[in-house]
Amino acid sequence: MFNRKKQLLQWEDIRKKGKWRFFLVYGVLLMMPIYLGVNLLYNAVTGTEERLRVEIINAIIFGIIYSGLMWWLMERRYQKQKTERH
């Protein structure tokens, strides 16, 4: 179970730091290594070869899309909880 109040406070702290910092930290720096690791493992298992440069570009694009979606979802949840509190 999630502690809604704690989650709301955490999101307030994150959003104070700004959207672009969130995109950089959660989208590029956090998701990029995960995406690259999974993708490189998949390529090793299937025997396909992709250029590392292409994989990095794909990882950055995926990270930006992921963080944009997460920002939108969390912001919706935050606004909903905020209006329910008042």
C-alpha atoms as a PDB file:
ATOM      1  CA  MET A   1       0.000   0.000   0.000  1.00  0.00           C
ATOM      2  CA  PHE A   2       1.083   3.524  -0.709  1.00  0.00           C
ATOM      3  CA  ASN A   3       1.197   6.243   1.879  1.00  0.00           C
ATOM      4  CA  ARG A   4      -0.622   8.943  -0.120  1.00  0.00           C
ATOM      5  CA  LYS A   5       0.386  11.810   2.156  1.00  0.00           C
ATOM      6  CA  LYS A   6       4.073  10.861   2.013  1.00  0.00           C
ATOM      7  CA  GLN A   7       3.896  10.407  -1.753  1.00  0.00           C
ATOM      8  CA  LEU A   8       2.241  13.818  -2.107  1.00  0.00           C
ATOM      9  CA  LEU A   9       4.999  15.469  -0.068  1.00  0.00           C
ATOM     10  CA  GLN A  10       7.719  13.702  -2.068  1.00  0.00           C
ATOM     11  CA  TRP A  11       6.158  14.836  -5.335  1.00  0.00           C
ATOM     12  CA  GLU A  12       5.962  18.424  -4.029  1.00  0.00           C
ATOM     13  CA  ASP A  13       9.719  18.308  -3.388  1.00  0.00           C
ATOM     14  CA  ILE A  14      10.429  16.821  -6.820  1.00  0.00           C
ATOM     15  CA  ARG A  15       8.259  19.334  -8.674  1.00  0.00           C
ATOM     16  CA  LYS A  16       9.908  22.256  -6.821  1.00  0.00           C
ATOM     17  CA  LYS A  17      13.194  21.221  -8.432  1.00  0.00           C
ATOM     18  CA  GLY A  18      11.617  21.536 -11.868  1.00  0.00           C
ATOM     19  CA  LYS A  19      10.435  19.504 -14.798  1.00  0.00           C
ATOM     20  CA  TRP A  20      13.726  19.563 -16.707  1.00  0.00           C
ATOM     21  CA  ARG A  21      15.690  18.289 -13.730  1.00  0.00           C
ATOM     22  CA  PHE A  22      13.138  15.486 -13.367  1.00  0.00           C
ATOM     23  CA  PHE A  23      13.555  14.647 -17.071  1.00  0.00           C
ATOM     24  CA  LEU A  24      17.328  14.596 -16.718  1.00  0.00           C
ATOM     25  CA  VAL A  25      17.519  12.608 -13.473  1.00  0.00           C
ATOM     26  CA  TYR A  26      14.693  10.119 -13.924  1.00  0.00           C
ATOM     27  CA  GLY A  27      14.540   9.937 -17.704  1.00  0.00           C
ATOM     28  CA  VAL A  28      18.102  10.106 -18.886  1.00  0.00           C
ATOM     29  CA  LEU A  29      20.349   9.255 -15.932  1.00  0.00           C
ATOM     30  CA  LEU A  30      18.131   6.601 -14.336  1.00  0.00           C
ATOM     31  CA  MET A  31      16.329   4.977 -17.251  1.00  0.00           C
ATOM     32  CA  MET A  32      19.146   5.147 -19.813  1.00  0.00           C
ATOM     33  CA  PRO A  33      21.380   2.556 -18.101  1.00  0.00           C
ATOM     34  CA  ILE A  34      18.384   0.282 -17.532  1.00  0.00           C
ATOM     35  CA  TYR A  35      17.269   0.598 -21.159  1.00  0.00           C
ATOM     36  CA  LEU A  36      20.803   0.081 -22.465  1.00  0.00           C
ATOM     37  CA  GLY A  37      21.388  -2.919 -20.212  1.00  0.00           C
ATOM     38  CA  VAL A  38      18.187  -4.658 -21.253  1.00  0.00           C
ATOM     39  CA  ASN A  39      18.736  -3.824 -24.904  1.00  0.00           C
ATOM     40  CA  LEU A  40      22.361  -4.974 -24.953  1.00  0.00           C
ATOM     41  CA  LEU A  41      21.408  -8.187 -23.144  1.00  0.00           C
ATOM     42  CA  TYR A  42      18.655  -8.786 -25.704  1.00  0.00           C
ATOM     43  CA  ASN A  43      21.108  -8.169 -28.552  1.00  0.00           C
ATOM     44  CA  ALA A  44      23.599 -10.606 -27.003  1.00  0.00           C
ATOM     45  CA  VAL A  45      20.953 -13.324 -26.586  1.00  0.00           C
ATOM     46  CA  THR A  46      19.449 -12.921 -30.055  1.00  0.00           C
ATOM     47  CA  GLY A  47      22.781 -12.408 -31.788  1.00  0.00           C
ATOM     48  CA  THR A  48      21.780  -9.084 -33.333  1.00  0.00           C
ATOM     49  CA  GLU A  49      24.204  -6.225 -33.401  1.00  0.00           C
ATOM     50  CA  GLU A  50      23.201  -2.628 -33.035  1.00  0.00           C
ATOM     51  CA  ARG A  51      25.604   0.242 -32.972  1.00  0.00           C
ATOM     52  CA  LEU A  52      26.195   1.588 -29.498  1.00  0.00           C
ATOM     53  CA  ARG A  53      25.612   5.134 -30.743  1.00  0.00           C
ATOM     54  CA  VAL A  54      22.144   4.158 -32.009  1.00  0.00           C
ATOM     55  CA  GLU A  55      21.391   2.406 -28.716  1.00  0.00           C
ATOM     56  CA  ILE A  56      22.394   5.479 -26.715  1.00  0.00           C
ATOM     57  CA  ILE A  57      20.230   7.758 -28.866  1.00  0.00           C
ATOM     58  CA  ASN A  58      17.310   5.343 -28.492  1.00  0.00           C
ATOM     59  CA  ALA A  59      17.882   5.228 -24.726  1.00  0.00           C
ATOM     60  CA  ILE A  60      17.830   9.020 -24.468  1.00  0.00           C
ATOM     61  CA  ILE A  61      14.632   9.222 -26.525  1.00  0.00           C
ATOM     62  CA  PHE A  62      13.039   6.461 -24.452  1.00  0.00           C
ATOM     63  CA  GLY A  63      14.113   8.213 -21.237  1.00  0.00           C
ATOM     64  CA  ILE A  64      12.590  11.513 -22.319  1.00  0.00           C
ATOM     65  CA  ILE A  65       9.326   9.824 -23.300  1.00  0.00           C
ATOM     66  CA  TYR A  66       9.274   7.830 -20.050  1.00  0.00           C
ATOM     67  CA  SER A  67       9.974  10.834 -17.847  1.00  0.00           C
ATOM     68  CA  GLY A  68       7.413  12.948 -19.711  1.00  0.00           C
ATOM     69  CA  LEU A  69       4.776  10.295 -19.176  1.00  0.00           C
ATOM     70  CA  MET A  70       5.716   9.884 -15.507  1.00  0.00           C
ATOM     71  CA  TRP A  71       5.642  13.652 -14.941  1.00  0.00           C
ATOM     72  CA  TRP A  72       2.190  13.866 -16.524  1.00  0.00           C
ATOM     73  CA  LEU A  73       0.832  10.935 -14.481  1.00  0.00           C
ATOM     74  CA  MET A  74       2.290  12.143 -11.192  1.00  0.00           C
ATOM     75  CA  GLU A  75       1.117  15.698 -11.800  1.00  0.00           C
ATOM     76  CA  ARG A  76      -2.422  14.457 -12.497  1.00  0.00           C
ATOM     77  CA  ARG A  77      -2.379  12.384  -9.318  1.00  0.00           C
ATOM     78  CA  TYR A  78      -0.954  15.314  -7.351  1.00  0.00           C
ATOM     79  CA  GLN A  79      -3.607  17.745  -8.595  1.00  0.00           C
ATOM     80  CA  LYS A  80      -6.378  15.230  -7.890  1.00  0.00           C
ATOM     81  CA  GLN A  81      -5.161  14.574  -4.334  1.00  0.00           C
ATOM     82  CA  LYS A  82      -4.653  18.275  -3.751  1.00  0.00           C
ATOM     83  CA  THR A  83      -8.248  19.090  -4.720  1.00  0.00           C
ATOM     84  CA  GLU A  84      -9.558  16.205  -2.593  1.00  0.00           C
ATOM     85  CA  ARG A  85      -7.753  17.601   0.457  1.00  0.00           C
ATOM     86  CA  HIS A  86      -9.518  20.959   0.182  1.00  0.00           C
END
